[in-house]
């Protein structure tokens, strides 16, 4: 392993290989002792080639023009918005509402309050004839239908009648279910959404934003994966009537789309939330207020292609990886490994991984006793000198107090180092 020494201020920098996920990157750690105040120590990450030649510039074009009232393109793994326009404008969700209905259903199934095999008796409120000019599953009053079938009727067929049936089954009334929807919206951070029904037909105060729909799409994928799996099904037959999923991008062979939901009313226009994956990256796109079914599909595809072509998700450190080893005072060991307990996904322009830099900041003195998993600082990732992401820096081992003699020695060492620093 090639080693070299660089002097920065009064501190020596010892460089060696690290960032196991990126073997072409070298790391340089400034070896500094933490005394009585937080000290920021710098870890420089750079490719070997950077010392001999300037890196080729990376050009990332602006997002394409999207013919929609509002849109968002979100990196699912990092939560970073790659592109947006009018993302926080209040708009009619139409059948995107069914994503929240589906989220509540998925949660109720997950915690065991309802079962996919439960039989639901269809009330007059849920009768398909109550929705003559809108999408429906064609369920009939007095008949029993399983939760699994109604769920597919909501997700695949976009059935308004199925929404009311499931709302009544879970909460007793549709109004009670809408209260659940709004409670979940608050918990998920959907600050600009308010629901007045379970299906999405236009109503005065029934509103959301493109950003909130992206949050909801991510929550379905993350929190109720079995529920999300239904979104990729292309058709569903009930009562002898076969209906196809209205998300046309499920049939697009140039994209790996596996969800999620369309919506349309006269007040909303044509909406579409889509999610697709490529090379370990998952994107969520939202377009609201387009002019037609064809337009919402084309504009969504435009956004997804832009995201996959010009951006990537990199994960420099996996959960449990060590980031740096530091001196710990008064312990039964000399050093402690500091790292991360979660993965560290970052959205960057494609081709910029080799330029990624990192530094860390200790926010408390490393002194025994200290527990495993205790947060002691932050890791910052940078491009072009700007922080682009940060994660908690935690202890990876438990360190107990050392013997009285070793603690006494550490006391004098720390005192002497304080004199000469």
Protein backbone atom coordinates (compact mmCIF):
# COMPACT_ATOMS: atom_id res chain seq x y z
CA UNK A 1 0.00 0.00 0.00
CA UNK A 2 1.41 3.40 -0.97
CA UNK A 3 1.72 5.80 1.95
CA UNK A 4 2.49 9.48 1.95
CA UNK A 5 2.47 12.29 4.48
CA UNK A 6 0.92 15.72 3.99
CA UNK A 7 1.11 18.58 6.46
CA UNK A 8 -2.00 20.69 7.04
CA UNK A 9 -1.50 23.41 9.67
CA UNK A 10 0.27 21.61 12.53
CA UNK A 11 -1.30 18.22 11.98
CA UNK A 12 0.09 15.22 10.15
CA UNK A 13 -2.14 13.46 7.65
CA UNK A 14 -1.63 9.74 7.26
CA UNK A 15 -3.21 8.36 4.13
CA UNK A 16 -4.28 4.80 3.40
CA UNK A 17 -6.94 2.87 1.54
CA UNK A 18 -10.51 2.89 2.84
CA UNK A 19 -14.08 3.26 1.54
CA UNK A 20 -14.37 -0.45 0.82
CA UNK A 21 -17.20 0.10 -1.64
CA UNK A 22 -14.96 2.34 -3.75
CA UNK A 23 -11.48 0.75 -3.95
CA UNK A 24 -10.24 3.47 -6.32
CA UNK A 25 -10.65 6.11 -3.61
CA UNK A 26 -7.95 6.91 -1.05
CA UNK A 27 -8.67 8.42 2.35
CA UNK A 28 -6.53 10.76 4.41
CA UNK A 29 -7.13 11.19 8.13
CA UNK A 30 -5.83 14.06 10.16
CA UNK A 31 -4.70 12.54 13.46
CA UNK A 32 -5.87 14.97 16.15
CA UNK A 33 -6.56 14.44 19.84
CA UNK A 34 -9.85 15.62 21.29
CA UNK A 35 -9.33 17.71 24.41
CA UNK A 36 -12.09 19.59 26.21
CA UNK A 37 -14.06 21.01 23.28
CA UNK A 38 -15.57 19.66 20.04
CA UNK A 39 -12.93 19.49 17.33
CA UNK A 40 -13.60 19.08 13.63
CA UNK A 41 -11.16 16.67 12.02
CA UNK A 42 -10.92 16.39 8.28
CA UNK A 43 -10.95 13.22 6.24
CA UNK A 44 -10.01 13.89 2.62
CA UNK A 45 -11.11 11.37 -0.01
CA UNK A 46 -9.63 11.60 -3.46
CA UNK A 47 -8.75 9.34 -6.35
CA UNK A 48 -5.11 8.52 -6.99
CA UNK A 49 -5.36 10.16 -10.40
CA UNK A 50 -6.30 13.47 -8.78
CA UNK A 51 -2.70 13.97 -7.72
CA UNK A 52 -1.40 13.72 -11.28
CA UNK A 53 -4.20 15.08 -13.45
CA UNK A 54 -7.25 17.24 -13.06
CA UNK A 55 -10.52 15.27 -13.17
CA UNK A 56 -12.57 15.62 -16.33
CA UNK A 57 -15.52 17.96 -15.81
CA UNK A 58 -18.94 16.45 -15.27
CA UNK A 59 -21.77 18.27 -17.01
CA UNK A 60 -25.32 17.80 -15.73
CA UNK A 61 -27.99 19.49 -17.84
CA UNK A 62 -31.06 21.15 -16.40
CA UNK A 63 -34.19 19.05 -16.02
CA UNK A 64 -36.30 18.71 -19.16
CA UNK A 65 -39.37 20.84 -19.71
CA UNK A 66 -42.37 18.92 -18.38
CA UNK A 67 -45.89 19.71 -19.58
CA UNK A 68 -47.65 19.46 -16.22
CA UNK A 69 -49.02 21.83 -13.59
CA UNK A 70 -46.53 20.36 -11.12
CA UNK A 71 -43.92 17.62 -11.01
CA UNK A 72 -41.30 16.04 -8.75
CA UNK A 73 -38.48 13.58 -9.37
CA UNK A 74 -37.25 11.99 -6.13
CA UNK A 75 -34.42 9.58 -5.31
CA UNK A 76 -36.19 7.01 -3.11
CA UNK A 77 -33.08 5.89 -1.20
CA UNK A 78 -31.88 9.36 -0.23
CA UNK A 79 -35.06 11.43 -0.31
CA UNK A 80 -33.31 14.03 -2.46
CA UNK A 81 -35.36 15.95 -5.00
CA UNK A 82 -33.56 15.76 -8.34
CA UNK A 83 -36.02 17.96 -10.23
CA UNK A 84 -39.26 19.78 -9.44
CA UNK A 85 -41.62 22.52 -10.50
CA UNK A 86 -44.52 23.80 -8.41
CA UNK A 87 -43.91 20.83 -6.11
CA UNK A 88 -45.81 22.46 -3.24
CA UNK A 89 -48.76 23.82 -5.20
CA UNK A 90 -52.14 22.68 -3.86
CA UNK A 91 -53.86 20.49 -6.47
CA UNK A 92 -56.63 17.92 -6.81
CA UNK A 93 -55.17 14.43 -6.36
CA UNK A 94 -58.01 12.54 -8.10
CA UNK A 95 -57.34 8.79 -7.77
CA UNK A 96 -53.87 9.37 -6.38
CA UNK A 97 -55.96 9.53 -3.20
CA UNK A 98 -56.19 5.75 -3.43
CA UNK A 99 -52.49 5.57 -2.59
CA UNK A 100 -53.33 6.81 0.90
CA UNK A 101 -56.31 4.46 1.09
CA UNK A 102 -53.97 1.66 0.07
CA UNK A 103 -51.33 2.70 2.61
CA UNK A 104 -53.87 2.51 5.44
CA UNK A 105 -55.09 -0.89 4.20
CA UNK A 106 -51.54 -2.18 3.93
CA UNK A 107 -50.77 -1.04 7.47
CA UNK A 108 -53.95 -2.62 8.86
CA UNK A 109 -53.03 -5.91 7.22
CA UNK A 110 -49.43 -5.64 8.42
CA UNK A 111 -50.40 -5.20 12.08
CA UNK A 112 -53.06 -7.92 11.88
CA UNK A 113 -56.20 -5.81 12.28
CA UNK A 114 -57.57 -7.19 9.04
CA UNK A 115 -56.69 -10.20 6.91
CA UNK A 116 -56.64 -10.53 3.12
CA UNK A 117 -59.07 -13.44 3.51
CA UNK A 118 -61.64 -11.42 5.46
CA UNK A 119 -65.04 -11.26 3.77
CA UNK A 120 -66.60 -7.81 3.44
CA UNK A 121 -70.35 -7.35 2.98
CA UNK A 122 -71.03 -4.60 0.47
CA UNK A 123 -73.28 -1.80 1.75
CA UNK A 124 -75.46 0.56 -0.26
CA UNK A 125 -72.85 3.28 0.25
CA UNK A 126 -70.29 1.16 -1.61
CA UNK A 127 -72.63 0.11 -4.41
CA UNK A 128 -71.02 0.56 -7.81
CA UNK A 129 -74.13 2.34 -9.09
CA UNK A 130 -73.24 5.25 -6.82
CA UNK A 131 -70.31 5.98 -9.16
CA UNK A 132 -71.87 5.97 -12.64
CA UNK A 133 -69.28 8.08 -14.46
CA UNK A 134 -66.11 7.03 -12.68
CA UNK A 135 -63.86 4.01 -12.29
CA UNK A 136 -65.26 1.13 -10.30
CA UNK A 137 -64.87 -2.55 -9.50
CA UNK A 138 -68.57 -3.37 -10.13
CA UNK A 139 -69.36 -4.75 -6.68
CA UNK A 140 -73.00 -5.34 -5.73
CA UNK A 141 -75.01 -4.60 -2.59
CA UNK A 142 -75.31 -7.50 -0.18
CA UNK A 143 -72.58 -9.58 -1.80
CA UNK A 144 -69.43 -10.54 0.10
CA UNK A 145 -66.02 -9.78 -1.33
CA UNK A 146 -62.63 -10.61 0.18
CA UNK A 147 -60.24 -7.91 1.38
CA UNK A 148 -57.67 -9.21 -1.10
CA UNK A 149 -60.07 -8.74 -4.02
CA UNK A 150 -61.18 -5.30 -2.86
CA UNK A 151 -57.56 -4.25 -2.43
CA UNK A 152 -56.79 -5.26 -6.00
CA UNK A 153 -59.94 -3.51 -7.11
CA UNK A 154 -58.60 -0.30 -5.55
CA UNK A 155 -55.03 -0.53 -6.81
CA UNK A 156 -55.42 -2.13 -10.24
CA UNK A 157 -58.95 -1.18 -11.27
CA UNK A 158 -59.03 2.14 -9.35
CA UNK A 159 -62.47 1.22 -8.06
CA UNK A 160 -64.21 3.98 -6.10
CA UNK A 161 -66.78 1.46 -4.88
CA UNK A 162 -64.03 -0.78 -3.50
CA UNK A 163 -62.56 2.18 -1.59
CA UNK A 164 -65.82 2.82 0.25
CA UNK A 165 -66.26 -0.89 1.03
CA UNK A 166 -62.78 -1.14 2.56
CA UNK A 167 -63.16 2.16 4.41
CA UNK A 168 -66.33 0.91 6.09
CA UNK A 169 -64.74 -2.47 6.87
CA UNK A 170 -61.73 -0.90 8.60
CA UNK A 171 -63.25 2.14 10.33
CA UNK A 172 -67.02 1.54 10.37
CA UNK A 173 -67.74 4.57 8.19
CA UNK A 174 -65.97 6.30 5.34
CA UNK A 175 -65.68 9.46 7.45
CA UNK A 176 -63.91 7.50 10.17
CA UNK A 177 -61.54 6.05 7.61
CA UNK A 178 -60.80 9.53 6.21
CA UNK A 179 -59.75 10.54 9.73
CA UNK A 180 -57.23 7.69 9.61
CA UNK A 181 -56.00 8.89 6.23
CA UNK A 182 -55.40 12.41 7.51
CA UNK A 183 -53.70 11.14 10.67
CA UNK A 184 -51.30 9.04 8.62
CA UNK A 185 -50.68 11.98 6.29
CA UNK A 186 -49.49 14.05 9.25
CA UNK A 187 -47.27 11.25 10.55
CA UNK A 188 -45.65 10.85 7.13
CA UNK A 189 -44.91 14.57 6.88
CA UNK A 190 -47.47 15.31 4.16
CA UNK A 191 -47.96 18.84 5.46
CA UNK A 192 -49.97 20.15 2.53
CA UNK A 193 -52.45 17.30 2.07
CA UNK A 194 -56.01 16.98 3.29
CA UNK A 195 -58.45 14.23 2.35
CA UNK A 196 -62.26 14.36 2.42
CA UNK A 197 -63.01 10.96 0.89
CA UNK A 198 -61.34 7.61 0.27
CA UNK A 199 -61.49 7.56 -3.54
CA UNK A 200 -60.44 10.98 -4.85
CA UNK A 201 -63.46 12.45 -6.56
CA UNK A 202 -63.13 16.24 -6.57
CA UNK A 203 -64.13 17.99 -3.35
CA UNK A 204 -63.58 21.58 -2.20
CA UNK A 205 -60.87 20.92 0.39
CA UNK A 206 -59.60 17.59 -0.93
CA UNK A 207 -56.05 18.63 -1.88
CA UNK A 208 -52.45 17.52 -2.05
CA UNK A 209 -49.13 18.45 -3.67
CA UNK A 210 -46.72 16.69 -5.99
CA UNK A 211 -44.14 16.59 -3.20
CA UNK A 212 -46.56 15.01 -0.74
CA UNK A 213 -47.45 12.35 -3.31
CA UNK A 214 -43.76 11.53 -3.69
CA UNK A 215 -43.49 11.16 0.10
CA UNK A 216 -46.53 8.87 0.10
CA UNK A 217 -45.18 6.77 -2.75
CA UNK A 218 -41.92 6.27 -0.88
CA UNK A 219 -43.81 5.34 2.30
CA UNK A 220 -45.79 2.63 0.51
CA UNK A 221 -42.61 1.12 -0.94
CA UNK A 222 -40.78 1.31 2.40
CA UNK A 223 -43.44 0.54 5.00
CA UNK A 224 -45.85 -1.89 3.30
CA UNK A 225 -43.84 -3.73 0.62
CA UNK A 226 -46.42 -6.52 0.28
CA UNK A 227 -49.04 -3.88 -0.50
CA UNK A 228 -46.72 -2.23 -2.99
CA UNK A 229 -46.20 -5.53 -4.82
CA UNK A 230 -49.83 -5.35 -6.02
CA UNK A 231 -49.12 -2.12 -7.94
CA UNK A 232 -47.13 -3.93 -10.64
CA UNK A 233 -49.99 -6.28 -11.55
CA UNK A 234 -51.23 -5.39 -15.01
CA UNK A 235 -54.82 -6.63 -14.82
CA UNK A 236 -57.50 -7.94 -12.48
CA UNK A 237 -60.75 -9.72 -13.21
CA UNK A 238 -63.78 -9.48 -10.93
CA UNK A 239 -67.39 -10.39 -11.60
CA UNK A 240 -66.39 -11.54 -15.07
CA UNK A 241 -65.03 -8.11 -15.97
CA UNK A 242 -61.32 -7.85 -16.77
CA UNK A 243 -59.79 -4.43 -16.26
CA UNK A 244 -56.24 -3.31 -16.96
CA UNK A 245 -53.94 -1.24 -14.79
CA UNK A 246 -54.07 2.33 -16.08
CA UNK A 247 -50.35 2.87 -15.47
CA UNK A 248 -49.19 2.44 -19.07
CA UNK A 249 -45.52 2.56 -18.13
CA UNK A 250 -45.84 -0.96 -16.69
CA UNK A 251 -45.74 -2.15 -20.30
CA UNK A 252 -42.75 0.01 -21.29
CA UNK A 253 -39.81 -2.36 -21.86
CA UNK A 254 -37.26 0.47 -21.80
CA UNK A 255 -37.95 1.11 -18.10
CA UNK A 256 -38.21 -1.19 -15.09
CA UNK A 257 -41.42 0.35 -13.71
CA UNK A 258 -43.11 -1.52 -10.86
CA UNK A 259 -45.77 1.02 -9.74
CA UNK A 260 -47.60 3.06 -8.77
CA UNK A 261 -50.90 5.00 -9.50
CA UNK A 262 -52.83 7.09 -11.99
CA UNK A 263 -55.57 9.64 -11.37
CA UNK A 264 -57.97 11.72 -13.42
CA UNK A 265 -60.91 14.04 -12.82
CA UNK A 266 -62.06 17.13 -14.65
CA UNK A 267 -60.64 19.29 -11.87
CA UNK A 268 -57.32 17.46 -11.59
CA UNK A 269 -56.40 16.70 -15.16
CA UNK A 270 -54.28 13.60 -15.67
CA UNK A 271 -51.96 12.59 -12.81
CA UNK A 272 -49.41 9.82 -12.50
CA UNK A 273 -47.04 8.68 -9.76
CA UNK A 274 -44.44 6.23 -11.05
CA UNK A 275 -41.53 4.32 -9.56
CA UNK A 276 -38.76 2.55 -11.45
CA UNK A 277 -35.36 1.01 -10.72
CA UNK A 278 -32.05 0.84 -12.58
CA UNK A 279 -28.53 -0.10 -11.47
CA UNK A 280 -29.41 -0.02 -7.78
CA UNK A 281 -31.19 3.33 -8.03
CA UNK A 282 -34.93 3.78 -7.42
CA UNK A 283 -36.67 6.91 -8.59
CA UNK A 284 -40.17 8.19 -7.89
CA UNK A 285 -41.71 10.63 -10.35
CA UNK A 286 -44.93 12.60 -9.89
CA UNK A 287 -46.69 14.54 -12.63
CA UNK A 288 -49.95 16.35 -11.91
CA UNK A 289 -52.30 18.24 -14.19
CA UNK A 290 -51.19 16.96 -17.60
CA UNK A 291 -53.54 17.15 -20.58
CA UNK A 292 -54.09 13.48 -21.39
CA UNK A 293 -53.29 9.86 -20.58
CA UNK A 294 -50.60 9.90 -23.25
CA UNK A 295 -49.09 13.10 -21.86
CA UNK A 296 -48.84 11.89 -18.27
CA UNK A 297 -47.05 8.76 -19.46
CA UNK A 298 -44.67 10.65 -21.77
CA UNK A 299 -43.82 13.34 -19.19
CA UNK A 300 -43.19 10.74 -16.49
CA UNK A 301 -40.91 8.76 -18.79
CA UNK A 302 -39.04 11.95 -19.63
CA UNK A 303 -38.34 12.59 -15.95
CA UNK A 304 -37.29 9.02 -15.20
CA UNK A 305 -34.91 8.87 -18.16
CA UNK A 306 -33.36 12.17 -17.09
CA UNK A 307 -32.82 10.92 -13.54
CA UNK A 308 -31.28 7.60 -14.53
CA UNK A 309 -29.09 9.14 -17.25
CA UNK A 310 -27.55 11.99 -15.29
CA UNK A 311 -27.65 10.89 -11.62
CA UNK A 312 -26.73 7.91 -9.50
CA UNK A 313 -27.11 6.72 -5.93
CA UNK A 314 -23.82 5.79 -4.26
CA UNK A 315 -23.36 4.29 -0.80
CA UNK A 316 -19.80 4.92 0.44
CA UNK A 317 -20.39 3.14 3.74
CA UNK A 318 -22.69 0.28 4.65
CA UNK A 319 -24.33 -0.14 8.05
CA UNK A 320 -21.71 -1.27 10.55
CA UNK A 321 -18.71 -0.01 8.56
CA UNK A 322 -15.90 1.73 10.43
CA UNK A 323 -15.14 5.28 9.32
CA UNK A 324 -12.23 6.18 11.60
CA UNK A 325 -10.40 4.89 14.67
CA UNK A 326 -9.82 7.39 17.48
CA UNK A 327 -8.08 7.52 20.83
CA UNK A 328 -10.43 7.01 23.81
CA UNK A 329 -9.49 8.19 27.28
CA UNK A 330 -9.77 6.28 30.58
CA UNK A 331 -10.90 3.04 28.92
CA UNK A 332 -9.98 -0.63 29.02
CA UNK A 333 -8.72 -0.23 25.43
CA UNK A 334 -6.65 2.44 23.73
CA UNK A 335 -8.83 3.17 20.69
CA UNK A 336 -12.42 2.96 19.51
CA UNK A 337 -13.85 2.51 16.03
CA UNK A 338 -16.35 5.12 14.89
CA UNK A 339 -18.69 4.51 11.99
CA UNK A 340 -22.31 4.25 10.90
CA UNK A 341 -25.22 2.05 11.93
CA UNK A 342 -27.17 2.70 8.73
CA UNK A 343 -26.26 2.74 5.06
CA UNK A 344 -25.15 6.12 3.71
CA UNK A 345 -26.87 6.56 0.31
CA UNK A 346 -26.11 9.81 -1.51
CA UNK A 347 -27.50 11.21 -4.76
CA UNK A 348 -24.79 12.66 -7.01
CA UNK A 349 -24.35 13.55 -10.64
CA UNK A 350 -23.31 10.48 -12.61
CA UNK A 351 -19.52 10.22 -12.80
CA UNK A 352 -18.84 12.29 -9.67
CA UNK A 353 -18.22 9.39 -7.28
CA UNK A 354 -14.45 9.69 -7.75
CA UNK A 355 -14.61 13.30 -6.53
CA UNK A 356 -16.55 12.55 -3.38
CA UNK A 357 -14.93 13.84 -0.19
CA UNK A 358 -15.82 13.24 3.43
CA UNK A 359 -15.06 14.75 6.81
CA UNK A 360 -16.25 14.14 10.32
CA UNK A 361 -16.94 16.20 13.39
CA UNK A 362 -16.73 14.97 16.97
CA UNK A 363 -19.30 16.65 19.16
CA UNK A 364 -18.33 15.04 22.47
CA UNK A 365 -15.18 13.89 24.19
CA UNK A 366 -14.31 10.23 23.70
CA UNK A 367 -14.05 9.14 27.30
CA UNK A 368 -14.93 5.79 28.90
CA UNK A 369 -17.32 4.41 29.82
CA UNK A 370 -19.11 4.66 26.50
CA UNK A 371 -21.80 2.45 25.01
CA UNK A 372 -21.86 0.83 21.59
CA UNK A 373 -24.05 2.79 19.17
CA UNK A 374 -23.69 6.11 20.97
CA UNK A 375 -23.73 9.16 18.69
CA UNK A 376 -20.51 11.14 19.11
CA UNK A 377 -20.49 13.31 15.99
CA UNK A 378 -21.44 13.67 12.32
CA UNK A 379 -20.03 12.46 9.02
CA UNK A 380 -20.25 14.97 6.17
CA UNK A 381 -19.94 14.11 2.48
CA UNK A 382 -18.88 16.83 0.08
CA UNK A 383 -18.58 17.63 -3.61
CA UNK A 384 -16.79 20.74 -4.81
CA UNK A 385 -16.34 21.88 -1.23
CA UNK A 386 -20.07 21.81 -0.43
CA UNK A 387 -21.79 19.49 2.06
CA UNK A 388 -24.27 17.29 0.19
CA UNK A 389 -25.17 14.76 2.90
CA UNK A 390 -24.54 14.01 6.54
CA UNK A 391 -25.05 11.04 8.86
CA UNK A 392 -24.59 10.33 12.59
CA UNK A 393 -21.11 9.13 13.61
CA UNK A 394 -21.48 6.42 16.25
CA UNK A 395 -19.32 4.17 18.39
CA UNK A 396 -18.99 0.64 17.07
CA UNK A 397 -17.79 -0.91 20.34
CA UNK A 398 -18.57 -0.64 24.01
CA UNK A 399 -15.62 0.61 26.07
CA UNK A 400 -15.58 0.16 29.83
CA UNK A 401 -13.46 2.07 32.33
CA UNK A 402 -9.84 0.95 32.55
CA UNK A 403 -7.90 0.14 35.68
CA UNK A 404 -7.13 2.91 38.17
CA UNK A 405 -3.51 2.91 37.00
CA UNK A 406 -4.39 3.26 33.28
CA UNK A 407 -6.88 6.02 34.10
CA UNK A 408 -4.20 7.85 36.08
CA UNK A 409 -1.78 7.56 33.16
CA UNK A 410 -4.42 8.89 30.76
CA UNK A 411 -5.01 11.83 33.08
CA UNK A 412 -1.37 12.85 32.94
CA UNK A 413 -1.11 12.20 29.18
CA UNK A 414 -4.10 14.39 28.54
CA UNK A 415 -2.74 17.09 30.82
CA UNK A 416 0.68 17.08 29.12
CA UNK A 417 -0.81 17.13 25.63
CA UNK A 418 -2.91 20.11 26.69
CA UNK A 419 0.23 21.97 27.73
CA UNK A 420 2.00 21.49 24.40
CA UNK A 421 -0.92 21.73 21.98
